[in-house]
Amino acid sequence: MSKKFKIYFFNFGYGYRFINIFIPILEKRNINIFSKILKKLKTINYPRGYRVRFIFLEENDKTFIEKIYKEYFKDAHFNVLIDETGFGLEKLIYKTNGYIHLNKEMLNIINKHLNVHYKTENIFENLKIPNLIWFKSIEKNPYIDTSQEVAKNIFGCINFLAKELE
């Protein structure tokens, strides 16, 4: 028996290229980060030539995320996964089980503009989505709220990558 999931999404901005932002909605901090990113997109500006596609998921199941990416949203130039962030000690996972999610050019752009900490190996979860910017809190601390910093880093990533990638 297969379990059914609902997917909600909407696009923000104009352009023929897409940026996917996957947001599991069961974690309240992910919704908080989404609202901060959307506010920045409205007040500062969205990346020119791109539509930011916010994809809301009922589950944080990695195989489900990979499946819906391949079936519905693989037209994206790059992808962002907000994975239990805002608890402090956020890392950008760029390699899992030997599979590289970000190419060297993308890593160089992110390094040039942002102060982001990396975790090069994540041996527990394998997610085969190319050009994936995967933010995850490595250790959960319910008393720390770094959602403002995470939102700033995600907004910076999508803007700087959109400007410099062609």
N, C-alpha and C. Protein backbone atom coordinates (compact mmCIF):
# COMPACT_ATOMS: atom_id res chain seq x y z
N MET A 1 0.84 -1.18 0.00
CA MET A 1 0.00 0.00 0.00
C MET A 1 0.88 1.24 0.00
N SER A 2 0.68 2.13 -0.94
CA SER A 2 1.51 3.33 -1.01
C SER A 2 0.83 4.48 -0.28
N LYS A 3 1.65 5.29 0.33
CA LYS A 3 1.17 6.45 1.07
C LYS A 3 1.07 7.64 0.13
N LYS A 4 0.00 8.42 0.23
CA LYS A 4 -0.19 9.58 -0.63
C LYS A 4 0.24 10.83 0.12
N PHE A 5 0.91 11.72 -0.62
CA PHE A 5 1.36 12.99 -0.07
C PHE A 5 0.79 14.11 -0.91
N LYS A 6 0.57 15.23 -0.27
CA LYS A 6 0.14 16.42 -1.00
C LYS A 6 1.34 17.32 -1.21
N ILE A 7 1.38 17.94 -2.37
CA ILE A 7 2.44 18.89 -2.71
C ILE A 7 1.75 20.20 -3.08
N TYR A 8 2.20 21.27 -2.45
CA TYR A 8 1.70 22.59 -2.79
C TYR A 8 2.90 23.40 -3.28
N PHE A 9 2.70 24.19 -4.32
CA PHE A 9 3.80 25.03 -4.78
C PHE A 9 3.26 26.29 -5.45
N PHE A 10 4.10 27.31 -5.47
CA PHE A 10 3.79 28.50 -6.24
C PHE A 10 5.11 29.12 -6.71
N ASN A 11 5.01 29.92 -7.77
CA ASN A 11 6.18 30.57 -8.35
C ASN A 11 6.16 32.04 -8.01
N PHE A 12 7.37 32.59 -7.80
CA PHE A 12 7.51 34.01 -7.51
C PHE A 12 8.54 34.57 -8.49
N GLY A 13 8.21 35.64 -9.17
CA GLY A 13 9.14 36.27 -10.09
C GLY A 13 8.81 35.95 -11.54
N TYR A 14 9.68 36.43 -12.43
CA TYR A 14 9.51 36.26 -13.86
C TYR A 14 10.78 35.69 -14.45
N GLY A 15 10.64 34.95 -15.52
CA GLY A 15 11.80 34.42 -16.21
C GLY A 15 11.54 33.02 -16.70
N TYR A 16 12.44 32.54 -17.52
CA TYR A 16 12.26 31.21 -18.09
C TYR A 16 13.04 30.14 -17.33
N ARG A 17 13.87 30.56 -16.35
CA ARG A 17 14.60 29.59 -15.54
C ARG A 17 13.97 29.52 -14.15
N PHE A 18 14.17 28.37 -13.51
CA PHE A 18 13.55 28.14 -12.20
C PHE A 18 14.60 27.84 -11.14
N ILE A 19 14.27 28.23 -9.91
CA ILE A 19 15.00 27.83 -8.71
C ILE A 19 13.96 27.15 -7.82
N ASN A 20 14.21 25.90 -7.46
CA ASN A 20 13.30 25.18 -6.56
C ASN A 20 13.75 25.36 -5.12
N ILE A 21 12.80 25.65 -4.24
CA ILE A 21 13.07 25.64 -2.81
C ILE A 21 12.09 24.66 -2.17
N PHE A 22 12.63 23.53 -1.70
CA PHE A 22 11.81 22.49 -1.06
C PHE A 22 11.68 22.80 0.43
N ILE A 23 10.44 22.85 0.92
CA ILE A 23 10.18 23.23 2.31
C ILE A 23 9.27 22.19 2.95
N PRO A 24 9.81 21.27 3.76
CA PRO A 24 8.95 20.38 4.55
C PRO A 24 8.21 21.21 5.60
N ILE A 25 6.88 21.14 5.61
CA ILE A 25 6.09 22.08 6.42
C ILE A 25 5.80 21.59 7.83
N LEU A 26 6.16 20.37 8.17
CA LEU A 26 5.90 19.90 9.53
C LEU A 26 6.79 20.59 10.57
N GLU A 27 7.93 21.08 10.16
CA GLU A 27 8.83 21.80 11.06
C GLU A 27 8.49 23.29 10.99
N LYS A 28 8.02 23.85 12.10
CA LYS A 28 7.58 25.25 12.12
C LYS A 28 8.69 26.23 11.75
N ARG A 29 9.93 25.90 12.08
CA ARG A 29 11.02 26.81 11.74
C ARG A 29 11.23 26.91 10.24
N ASN A 30 10.92 25.85 9.51
CA ASN A 30 11.01 25.92 8.06
C ASN A 30 10.03 26.94 7.49
N ILE A 31 8.83 27.01 8.06
CA ILE A 31 7.83 27.99 7.62
C ILE A 31 8.31 29.40 7.96
N ASN A 32 8.93 29.56 9.12
CA ASN A 32 9.48 30.85 9.52
C ASN A 32 10.56 31.30 8.53
N ILE A 33 11.43 30.38 8.15
CA ILE A 33 12.48 30.70 7.18
C ILE A 33 11.86 31.06 5.83
N PHE A 34 10.85 30.30 5.41
CA PHE A 34 10.15 30.62 4.16
C PHE A 34 9.61 32.05 4.17
N SER A 35 8.95 32.45 5.27
CA SER A 35 8.36 33.79 5.32
C SER A 35 9.43 34.87 5.25
N LYS A 36 10.59 34.62 5.86
CA LYS A 36 11.68 35.60 5.80
C LYS A 36 12.27 35.69 4.39
N ILE A 37 12.41 34.55 3.71
CA ILE A 37 12.92 34.56 2.33
C ILE A 37 11.93 35.29 1.42
N LEU A 38 10.65 35.00 1.56
CA LEU A 38 9.63 35.65 0.73
C LEU A 38 9.62 37.16 0.97
N LYS A 39 9.76 37.57 2.21
CA LYS A 39 9.81 39.00 2.52
C LYS A 39 11.00 39.66 1.84
N LYS A 40 12.16 39.00 1.87
CA LYS A 40 13.34 39.54 1.20
C LYS A 40 13.14 39.61 -0.32
N LEU A 41 12.51 38.58 -0.88
CA LEU A 41 12.25 38.59 -2.32
C LEU A 41 11.31 39.74 -2.70
N LYS A 42 10.34 40.04 -1.83
CA LYS A 42 9.39 41.12 -2.11
C LYS A 42 10.03 42.49 -1.94
N THR A 43 10.84 42.67 -0.90
CA THR A 43 11.37 43.99 -0.60
C THR A 43 12.69 44.29 -1.30
N ILE A 44 13.58 43.32 -1.36
CA ILE A 44 14.89 43.57 -1.98
C ILE A 44 14.80 43.33 -3.48
N ASN A 45 14.37 42.17 -3.89
CA ASN A 45 14.10 41.83 -5.28
C ASN A 45 14.33 40.36 -5.51
N TYR A 46 13.69 39.84 -6.49
CA TYR A 46 13.89 38.44 -6.88
C TYR A 46 15.02 38.38 -7.90
N PRO A 47 15.65 37.24 -8.08
CA PRO A 47 16.74 37.14 -9.06
C PRO A 47 16.21 37.32 -10.48
N ARG A 48 16.81 38.21 -11.23
CA ARG A 48 16.38 38.52 -12.59
C ARG A 48 16.51 37.29 -13.48
N GLY A 49 15.47 37.06 -14.27
CA GLY A 49 15.48 35.95 -15.21
C GLY A 49 15.10 34.61 -14.60
N TYR A 50 14.77 34.61 -13.31
CA TYR A 50 14.43 33.37 -12.62
C TYR A 50 13.06 33.48 -11.97
N ARG A 51 12.39 32.35 -11.91
CA ARG A 51 11.21 32.22 -11.07
C ARG A 51 11.60 31.33 -9.90
N VAL A 52 11.33 31.80 -8.70
CA VAL A 52 11.60 31.01 -7.50
C VAL A 52 10.34 30.19 -7.24
N ARG A 53 10.51 28.88 -7.25
CA ARG A 53 9.39 27.96 -7.04
C ARG A 53 9.47 27.42 -5.62
N PHE A 54 8.52 27.80 -4.78
CA PHE A 54 8.43 27.30 -3.42
C PHE A 54 7.58 26.03 -3.44
N ILE A 55 8.16 24.92 -2.97
CA ILE A 55 7.48 23.63 -2.99
C ILE A 55 7.30 23.18 -1.54
N PHE A 56 6.06 23.09 -1.10
CA PHE A 56 5.75 22.73 0.28
C PHE A 56 5.41 21.25 0.35
N LEU A 57 6.05 20.54 1.26
CA LEU A 57 5.91 19.09 1.37
C LEU A 57 5.37 18.72 2.75
N GLU A 58 4.49 17.74 2.79
CA GLU A 58 3.96 17.26 4.06
C GLU A 58 4.98 16.42 4.82
N GLU A 59 5.90 15.83 4.11
CA GLU A 59 6.88 14.93 4.71
C GLU A 59 8.29 15.40 4.39
N ASN A 60 9.22 15.00 5.23
CA ASN A 60 10.63 15.29 4.99
C ASN A 60 11.33 14.00 4.57
N ASP A 61 10.65 13.19 3.81
CA ASP A 61 11.19 11.93 3.34
C ASP A 61 12.04 12.18 2.10
N LYS A 62 13.32 11.82 2.19
CA LYS A 62 14.27 12.14 1.12
C LYS A 62 13.94 11.42 -0.19
N THR A 63 13.48 10.19 -0.13
CA THR A 63 13.15 9.49 -1.37
C THR A 63 11.94 10.14 -2.04
N PHE A 64 11.00 10.64 -1.25
CA PHE A 64 9.85 11.34 -1.80
C PHE A 64 10.28 12.65 -2.46
N ILE A 65 11.16 13.40 -1.81
CA ILE A 65 11.65 14.66 -2.37
C ILE A 65 12.35 14.39 -3.71
N GLU A 66 13.18 13.37 -3.74
CA GLU A 66 13.89 13.02 -4.98
C GLU A 66 12.90 12.61 -6.07
N LYS A 67 11.88 11.87 -5.70
CA LYS A 67 10.89 11.40 -6.67
C LYS A 67 10.10 12.57 -7.26
N ILE A 68 9.61 13.48 -6.44
CA ILE A 68 8.83 14.59 -6.99
C ILE A 68 9.70 15.53 -7.80
N TYR A 69 10.99 15.66 -7.40
CA TYR A 69 11.91 16.45 -8.23
C TYR A 69 11.98 15.86 -9.63
N LYS A 70 12.23 14.55 -9.72
CA LYS A 70 12.40 13.89 -11.02
C LYS A 70 11.12 13.90 -11.84
N GLU A 71 9.97 13.79 -11.19
CA GLU A 71 8.71 13.71 -11.93
C GLU A 71 8.13 15.06 -12.32
N TYR A 72 8.33 16.09 -11.49
CA TYR A 72 7.63 17.34 -11.72
C TYR A 72 8.50 18.59 -11.82
N PHE A 73 9.64 18.62 -11.16
CA PHE A 73 10.36 19.88 -11.01
C PHE A 73 11.80 19.84 -11.48
N LYS A 74 12.14 18.94 -12.40
CA LYS A 74 13.54 18.81 -12.81
C LYS A 74 13.98 19.87 -13.80
N ASP A 75 13.12 20.83 -14.11
CA ASP A 75 13.50 21.91 -15.02
C ASP A 75 14.26 23.04 -14.31
N ALA A 76 14.56 22.88 -13.04
CA ALA A 76 15.21 23.94 -12.25
C ALA A 76 16.70 24.05 -12.58
N HIS A 77 17.19 25.27 -12.55
CA HIS A 77 18.61 25.56 -12.74
C HIS A 77 19.42 25.11 -11.52
N PHE A 78 18.87 25.37 -10.33
CA PHE A 78 19.41 24.82 -9.10
C PHE A 78 18.31 24.71 -8.06
N ASN A 79 18.60 23.98 -6.96
CA ASN A 79 17.60 23.61 -5.97
C ASN A 79 18.10 23.92 -4.56
N VAL A 80 17.15 24.19 -3.67
CA VAL A 80 17.47 24.43 -2.27
C VAL A 80 16.56 23.52 -1.44
N LEU A 81 17.15 22.86 -0.45
CA LEU A 81 16.37 22.06 0.50
C LEU A 81 16.58 22.65 1.88
N ILE A 82 15.48 23.09 2.49
CA ILE A 82 15.51 23.59 3.87
C ILE A 82 15.18 22.39 4.74
N ASP A 83 16.16 21.86 5.44
CA ASP A 83 16.02 20.58 6.14
C ASP A 83 16.29 20.78 7.63
N GLU A 84 15.21 20.99 8.41
CA GLU A 84 15.33 21.15 9.87
C GLU A 84 16.39 22.18 10.24
N THR A 85 16.23 23.38 9.72
CA THR A 85 17.20 24.43 10.00
C THR A 85 16.67 25.40 11.04
N GLY A 86 17.53 26.32 11.46
CA GLY A 86 17.15 27.32 12.44
C GLY A 86 17.42 26.93 13.87
N PHE A 87 18.11 25.81 14.08
CA PHE A 87 18.42 25.33 15.43
C PHE A 87 19.87 25.61 15.83
N GLY A 88 20.61 26.29 15.00
CA GLY A 88 22.03 26.50 15.26
C GLY A 88 22.85 25.39 14.63
N LEU A 89 24.12 25.66 14.44
CA LEU A 89 25.06 24.72 13.81
C LEU A 89 24.57 24.28 12.43
N GLU A 90 24.05 25.24 11.64
CA GLU A 90 23.62 24.91 10.28
C GLU A 90 24.83 24.64 9.41
N LYS A 91 24.69 23.67 8.58
CA LYS A 91 25.73 23.32 7.63
C LYS A 91 25.12 23.25 6.24
N LEU A 92 25.95 23.49 5.28
CA LEU A 92 25.58 23.29 3.90
C LEU A 92 26.18 21.95 3.49
N ILE A 93 25.34 20.98 3.22
CA ILE A 93 25.82 19.65 2.84
C ILE A 93 26.02 19.67 1.34
N TYR A 94 27.22 19.39 0.90
CA TYR A 94 27.43 19.42 -0.53
C TYR A 94 27.88 18.09 -1.11
N LYS A 95 27.99 17.07 -0.27
CA LYS A 95 28.40 15.77 -0.78
C LYS A 95 27.79 14.69 0.11
N THR A 96 27.09 13.73 -0.48
CA THR A 96 26.58 12.61 0.30
C THR A 96 26.98 11.32 -0.37
N ASN A 97 27.53 10.45 0.42
CA ASN A 97 27.91 9.11 -0.05
C ASN A 97 28.68 9.17 -1.37
N GLY A 98 29.53 10.18 -1.49
CA GLY A 98 30.35 10.31 -2.69
C GLY A 98 29.67 11.04 -3.83
N TYR A 99 28.39 11.35 -3.70
CA TYR A 99 27.65 12.04 -4.75
C TYR A 99 27.77 13.54 -4.52
N ILE A 100 28.29 14.27 -5.48
CA ILE A 100 28.49 15.71 -5.34
C ILE A 100 27.20 16.42 -5.75
N HIS A 101 26.67 17.23 -4.85
CA HIS A 101 25.45 17.98 -5.14
C HIS A 101 25.73 19.33 -5.78
N LEU A 102 26.84 19.94 -5.43
CA LEU A 102 27.18 21.25 -5.96
C LEU A 102 28.46 21.16 -6.77
N ASN A 103 28.43 21.73 -7.96
CA ASN A 103 29.67 21.71 -8.73
C ASN A 103 30.63 22.77 -8.19
N LYS A 104 31.86 22.71 -8.62
CA LYS A 104 32.91 23.59 -8.09
C LYS A 104 32.61 25.06 -8.33
N GLU A 105 32.04 25.37 -9.49
CA GLU A 105 31.70 26.76 -9.80
C GLU A 105 30.69 27.32 -8.79
N MET A 106 29.67 26.52 -8.46
CA MET A 106 28.66 26.97 -7.50
C MET A 106 29.28 27.15 -6.11
N LEU A 107 30.13 26.21 -5.71
CA LEU A 107 30.79 26.34 -4.41
C LEU A 107 31.66 27.59 -4.35
N ASN A 108 32.37 27.89 -5.43
CA ASN A 108 33.22 29.08 -5.46
C ASN A 108 32.39 30.35 -5.34
N ILE A 109 31.24 30.41 -6.00
CA ILE A 109 30.37 31.59 -5.91
C ILE A 109 29.85 31.76 -4.49
N ILE A 110 29.41 30.67 -3.87
CA ILE A 110 28.90 30.74 -2.50
C ILE A 110 30.01 31.17 -1.55
N ASN A 111 31.21 30.60 -1.71
CA ASN A 111 32.34 30.98 -0.85
C ASN A 111 32.72 32.44 -1.01
N LYS A 112 32.62 32.95 -2.21
CA LYS A 112 33.00 34.33 -2.50
C LYS A 112 32.09 35.33 -1.79
N HIS A 113 30.82 35.00 -1.67
CA HIS A 113 29.84 35.97 -1.17
C HIS A 113 29.32 35.72 0.24
N LEU A 114 29.39 34.48 0.72
CA LEU A 114 28.75 34.16 1.98
C LEU A 114 29.71 33.44 2.92
N ASN A 115 29.43 33.55 4.21
CA ASN A 115 30.17 32.82 5.22
C ASN A 115 29.31 31.63 5.65
N VAL A 116 29.44 30.54 4.90
CA VAL A 116 28.63 29.35 5.15
C VAL A 116 29.56 28.22 5.56
N HIS A 117 29.13 27.43 6.53
CA HIS A 117 29.92 26.29 6.99
C HIS A 117 29.47 25.05 6.25
N TYR A 118 30.43 24.20 5.92
CA TYR A 118 30.15 23.03 5.09
C TYR A 118 30.29 21.75 5.87
N LYS A 119 29.51 20.79 5.48
CA LYS A 119 29.68 19.41 5.93
C LYS A 119 29.81 18.61 4.64
N THR A 120 30.97 18.02 4.45
CA THR A 120 31.22 17.39 3.15
C THR A 120 30.63 16.01 3.03
N GLU A 121 30.38 15.34 4.12
CA GLU A 121 29.84 13.99 4.03
C GLU A 121 28.58 13.87 4.88
N ASN A 122 27.59 13.27 4.31
CA ASN A 122 26.39 12.92 5.05
C ASN A 122 26.11 11.47 4.69
N ILE A 123 26.55 10.56 5.54
CA ILE A 123 26.47 9.15 5.19
C ILE A 123 25.11 8.53 5.47
N PHE A 124 24.20 9.29 6.08
CA PHE A 124 22.91 8.72 6.45
C PHE A 124 21.87 8.85 5.36
N GLU A 125 21.95 9.90 4.58
CA GLU A 125 20.93 10.16 3.57
C GLU A 125 21.59 10.40 2.23
N ASN A 126 21.08 9.75 1.22
CA ASN A 126 21.60 9.94 -0.11
C ASN A 126 20.49 10.56 -0.95
N LEU A 127 20.74 11.71 -1.49
CA LEU A 127 19.73 12.44 -2.24
C LEU A 127 20.35 12.83 -3.58
N LYS A 128 19.83 12.29 -4.65
CA LYS A 128 20.43 12.52 -5.97
C LYS A 128 19.66 13.59 -6.73
N ILE A 129 19.81 14.81 -6.28
CA ILE A 129 19.24 15.96 -6.97
C ILE A 129 20.43 16.85 -7.33
N PRO A 130 20.65 17.12 -8.61
CA PRO A 130 21.81 17.92 -9.00
C PRO A 130 21.68 19.38 -8.57
N ASN A 131 22.81 20.02 -8.38
CA ASN A 131 22.87 21.43 -8.01
C ASN A 131 21.96 21.74 -6.83
N LEU A 132 22.11 20.95 -5.78
CA LEU A 132 21.28 21.08 -4.59
C LEU A 132 22.04 21.81 -3.49
N ILE A 133 21.46 22.89 -3.02
CA ILE A 133 21.98 23.62 -1.87
C ILE A 133 21.16 23.12 -0.69
N TRP A 134 21.78 22.30 0.14
CA TRP A 134 21.07 21.58 1.19
C TRP A 134 21.50 22.14 2.54
N PHE A 135 20.60 22.90 3.18
CA PHE A 135 20.86 23.45 4.51
C PHE A 135 20.26 22.53 5.55
N LYS A 136 21.05 22.21 6.57
CA LYS A 136 20.58 21.31 7.63
C LYS A 136 21.24 21.71 8.95
N SER A 137 20.46 21.70 10.04
CA SER A 137 21.03 21.87 11.37
C SER A 137 21.59 20.51 11.78
N ILE A 138 22.86 20.49 12.09
CA ILE A 138 23.50 19.23 12.44
C ILE A 138 23.09 18.78 13.83
N GLU A 139 23.02 19.71 14.77
CA GLU A 139 22.56 19.40 16.12
C GLU A 139 21.38 20.30 16.44
N LYS A 140 20.29 19.70 16.89
CA LYS A 140 19.11 20.50 17.22
C LYS A 140 19.22 21.05 18.64
N ASN A 141 19.00 22.35 18.74
CA ASN A 141 18.93 23.00 20.04
C ASN A 141 17.65 23.83 20.04
N PRO A 142 16.62 23.40 20.78
CA PRO A 142 15.33 24.10 20.73
C PRO A 142 15.38 25.52 21.30
N TYR A 143 16.46 25.88 21.98
CA TYR A 143 16.55 27.20 22.61
C TYR A 143 17.26 28.21 21.72
N ILE A 144 17.78 27.77 20.60
CA ILE A 144 18.48 28.67 19.67
C ILE A 144 17.60 28.85 18.44
N ASP A 145 17.48 30.09 17.99
CA ASP A 145 16.74 30.35 16.76
C ASP A 145 17.64 31.13 15.81
N THR A 146 18.14 30.45 14.79
CA THR A 146 19.00 31.10 13.80
C THR A 146 18.29 31.19 12.45
N SER A 147 16.97 31.21 12.47
CA SER A 147 16.23 31.21 11.22
C SER A 147 16.49 32.48 10.40
N GLN A 148 16.74 33.60 11.05
CA GLN A 148 17.06 34.84 10.32
C GLN A 148 18.36 34.68 9.54
N GLU A 149 19.36 34.09 10.17
CA GLU A 149 20.65 33.86 9.52
C GLU A 149 20.52 32.85 8.37
N VAL A 150 19.76 31.78 8.59
CA VAL A 150 19.54 30.78 7.53
C VAL A 150 18.83 31.41 6.34
N ALA A 151 17.79 32.19 6.60
CA ALA A 151 17.06 32.86 5.52
C ALA A 151 17.97 33.79 4.75
N LYS A 152 18.83 34.52 5.46
CA LYS A 152 19.78 35.42 4.80
C LYS A 152 20.73 34.64 3.90
N ASN A 153 21.23 33.51 4.38
CA ASN A 153 22.15 32.70 3.57
C ASN A 153 21.46 32.09 2.36
N ILE A 154 20.24 31.62 2.52
CA ILE A 154 19.52 31.05 1.38
C ILE A 154 19.21 32.13 0.35
N PHE A 155 18.74 33.28 0.81
CA PHE A 155 18.47 34.39 -0.09
C PHE A 155 19.74 34.80 -0.82
N GLY A 156 20.85 34.88 -0.09
CA GLY A 156 22.13 35.23 -0.71
C GLY A 156 22.56 34.21 -1.74
N CYS A 157 22.40 32.93 -1.41
CA CYS A 157 22.76 31.87 -2.36
C CYS A 157 21.98 32.00 -3.66
N ILE A 158 20.66 32.15 -3.56
CA ILE A 158 19.89 32.18 -4.79
C ILE A 158 20.18 33.44 -5.60
N ASN A 159 20.41 34.57 -4.94
CA ASN A 159 20.71 35.79 -5.68
C ASN A 159 22.09 35.77 -6.32
N PHE A 160 23.11 35.40 -5.56
CA PHE A 160 24.46 35.40 -6.12
C PHE A 160 24.63 34.34 -7.20
N LEU A 161 24.04 33.17 -7.00
CA LEU A 161 24.14 32.14 -8.03
C LEU A 161 23.39 32.54 -9.28
N ALA A 162 22.22 33.17 -9.13
CA ALA A 162 21.45 33.60 -10.28
C ALA A 162 22.20 34.67 -11.08
N LYS A 163 22.93 35.54 -10.39
CA LYS A 163 23.67 36.60 -11.07
C LYS A 163 24.91 36.07 -11.80
N GLU A 164 25.57 35.10 -11.21
CA GLU A 164 26.86 34.69 -11.73
C GLU A 164 26.85 33.43 -12.58
N LEU A 165 25.79 32.63 -12.51
CA LEU A 165 25.70 31.42 -13.33
C LEU A 165 25.01 31.74 -14.64
N GLU A 166 25.52 31.25 -15.69
CA GLU A 166 24.86 31.41 -17.00
C GLU A 166 24.91 30.13 -17.74
